[in-house]
Amino acid sequence: MPGTVRAAPGNPYADDALAHVAEAARELARGGSRWLVLDCIGYTEAMRRAAAAASGLPVLLSRTLAVRLATEVACAVPG
């Protein structure tokens, strides 16, 4: 089902990155988001967990998705 795409800044490189990510996640949840995507390779698993805890929403981590996709491609190649 299509919906509105929302964005909120959460700097993964800041000294207080977990707090940045958690606050952005809360903001997006309050705005009606149903899923969150951490779209920078700099986001970590700890940040994914912080966003999920702060928002109560499922959170996708782009670096994990990239590795899983690469694994699928590597396994699909005959040889």
C-alpha atoms as a PDB file:
ATOM      1  CA  MET A   1       0.000   0.000   0.000  1.00  0.00           C
ATOM      2  CA  PRO A   2       1.554   3.328  -1.052  1.00  0.00           C
ATOM      3  CA  GLY A   3       2.057   5.977   1.564  1.00  0.00           C
ATOM      4  CA  THR A   4       3.913   9.118   2.422  1.00  0.00           C
ATOM      5  CA  VAL A   5       7.680   8.968   2.609  1.00  0.00           C
ATOM      6  CA  ARG A   6       8.995  10.833   5.632  1.00  0.00           C
ATOM      7  CA  ALA A   7      12.570  11.675   6.565  1.00  0.00           C
ATOM      8  CA  ALA A   8      14.282  12.817   9.730  1.00  0.00           C
ATOM      9  CA  PRO A   9      18.008  13.429  10.295  1.00  0.00           C
ATOM     10  CA  GLY A  10      19.949  11.085  12.555  1.00  0.00           C
ATOM     11  CA  ASN A  11      23.702  11.553  12.177  1.00  0.00           C
ATOM     12  CA  PRO A  12      25.430   8.145  12.513  1.00  0.00           C
ATOM     13  CA  TYR A  13      28.823   9.837  12.925  1.00  0.00           C
ATOM     14  CA  ALA A  14      27.944  12.214  15.777  1.00  0.00           C
ATOM     15  CA  ASP A  15      29.384  11.617  19.243  1.00  0.00           C
ATOM     16  CA  ASP A  16      25.841  11.046  20.491  1.00  0.00           C
ATOM     17  CA  ALA A  17      24.699   9.103  17.416  1.00  0.00           C
ATOM     18  CA  LEU A  18      22.445   6.713  19.350  1.00  0.00           C
ATOM     19  CA  ALA A  19      20.527   9.676  20.764  1.00  0.00           C
ATOM     20  CA  HIS A  20      20.273  11.306  17.297  1.00  0.00           C
ATOM     21  CA  VAL A  21      18.930   8.107  15.757  1.00  0.00           C
ATOM     22  CA  ALA A  22      16.497   7.443  18.611  1.00  0.00           C
ATOM     23  CA  GLU A  23      15.074  10.969  18.438  1.00  0.00           C
ATOM     24  CA  ALA A  24      14.647  10.769  14.658  1.00  0.00           C
ATOM     25  CA  ALA A  25      12.910   7.398  15.065  1.00  0.00           C
ATOM     26  CA  ARG A  26      10.516   8.821  17.681  1.00  0.00           C
ATOM     27  CA  GLU A  27       9.742  11.771  15.416  1.00  0.00           C
ATOM     28  CA  LEU A  28       8.949   9.493  12.481  1.00  0.00           C
ATOM     29  CA  ALA A  29       6.788   7.203  14.625  1.00  0.00           C
ATOM     30  CA  ARG A  30       4.822  10.203  15.939  1.00  0.00           C
ATOM     31  CA  GLY A  31       4.334  11.290  12.327  1.00  0.00           C
ATOM     32  CA  GLY A  32       2.655   8.020  11.428  1.00  0.00           C
ATOM     33  CA  SER A  33       5.496   6.027   9.882  1.00  0.00           C
ATOM     34  CA  ARG A  34       5.005   2.262   9.897  1.00  0.00           C
ATOM     35  CA  TRP A  35       8.562   1.192   8.975  1.00  0.00           C
ATOM     36  CA  LEU A  36      11.939   2.859   9.345  1.00  0.00           C
ATOM     37  CA  VAL A  37      14.907   2.515   7.020  1.00  0.00           C
ATOM     38  CA  LEU A  38      18.367   3.571   8.179  1.00  0.00           C
ATOM     39  CA  ASP A  39      19.699   4.457   4.745  1.00  0.00           C
ATOM     40  CA  CYS A  40      23.405   5.093   5.373  1.00  0.00           C
ATOM     41  CA  ILE A  41      26.112   2.441   5.558  1.00  0.00           C
ATOM     42  CA  GLY A  42      27.347   4.269   8.685  1.00  0.00           C
ATOM     43  CA  TYR A  43      24.344   3.170  10.728  1.00  0.00           C
ATOM     44  CA  THR A  44      25.164   0.218  12.982  1.00  0.00           C
ATOM     45  CA  GLU A  45      23.200  -2.657  14.480  1.00  0.00           C
ATOM     46  CA  ALA A  46      23.225  -0.799  17.819  1.00  0.00           C
ATOM     47  CA  MET A  47      21.606   2.178  16.076  1.00  0.00           C
ATOM     48  CA  ARG A  48      19.008  -0.104  14.491  1.00  0.00           C
ATOM     49  CA  ARG A  49      18.130  -1.462  17.938  1.00  0.00           C
ATOM     50  CA  ALA A  50      17.982   2.085  19.382  1.00  0.00           C
ATOM     51  CA  ALA A  51      15.636   3.207  16.611  1.00  0.00           C
ATOM     52  CA  ALA A  52      13.404   0.167  17.085  1.00  0.00           C
ATOM     53  CA  ALA A  53      13.250   0.642  20.858  1.00  0.00           C
ATOM     54  CA  ALA A  54      12.536   4.374  20.552  1.00  0.00           C
ATOM     55  CA  SER A  55       9.839   4.011  17.900  1.00  0.00           C
ATOM     56  CA  GLY A  56       8.314   0.579  18.468  1.00  0.00           C
ATOM     57  CA  LEU A  57       8.551   0.072  14.705  1.00  0.00           C
ATOM     58  CA  PRO A  58      10.364  -2.426  12.479  1.00  0.00           C
ATOM     59  CA  VAL A  59      13.698  -0.971  11.311  1.00  0.00           C
ATOM     60  CA  LEU A  60      15.640  -1.970   8.205  1.00  0.00           C
ATOM     61  CA  LEU A  61      19.398  -1.428   8.183  1.00  0.00           C
ATOM     62  CA  SER A  62      20.734  -0.679   4.689  1.00  0.00           C
ATOM     63  CA  ARG A  63      24.165  -2.242   5.278  1.00  0.00           C
ATOM     64  CA  THR A  64      22.536  -5.521   6.316  1.00  0.00           C
ATOM     65  CA  LEU A  65      20.287  -5.452   3.251  1.00  0.00           C
ATOM     66  CA  ALA A  66      23.320  -4.819   1.001  1.00  0.00           C
ATOM     67  CA  VAL A  67      25.235  -7.783   2.453  1.00  0.00           C
ATOM     68  CA  ARG A  68      22.233 -10.082   2.179  1.00  0.00           C
ATOM     69  CA  LEU A  69      21.682  -9.069  -1.424  1.00  0.00           C
ATOM     70  CA  ALA A  70      25.366  -9.632  -2.243  1.00  0.00           C
ATOM     71  CA  THR A  71      25.156 -13.079  -0.640  1.00  0.00           C
ATOM     72  CA  GLU A  72      22.116 -13.938  -2.751  1.00  0.00           C
ATOM     73  CA  VAL A  73      23.919 -12.837  -5.906  1.00  0.00           C
ATOM     74  CA  ALA A  74      27.055 -14.822  -4.996  1.00  0.00           C
ATOM     75  CA  CYS A  75      25.010 -17.937  -4.297  1.00  0.00           C
ATOM     76  CA  ALA A  76      23.027 -17.591  -7.536  1.00  0.00           C
ATOM     77  CA  VAL A  77      26.114 -17.727  -9.743  1.00  0.00           C
ATOM     78  CA  PRO A  78      26.743 -21.302 -10.941  1.00  0.00           C
ATOM     79  CA  GLY A  79      30.167 -22.576 -10.368  1.00  0.00           C
END
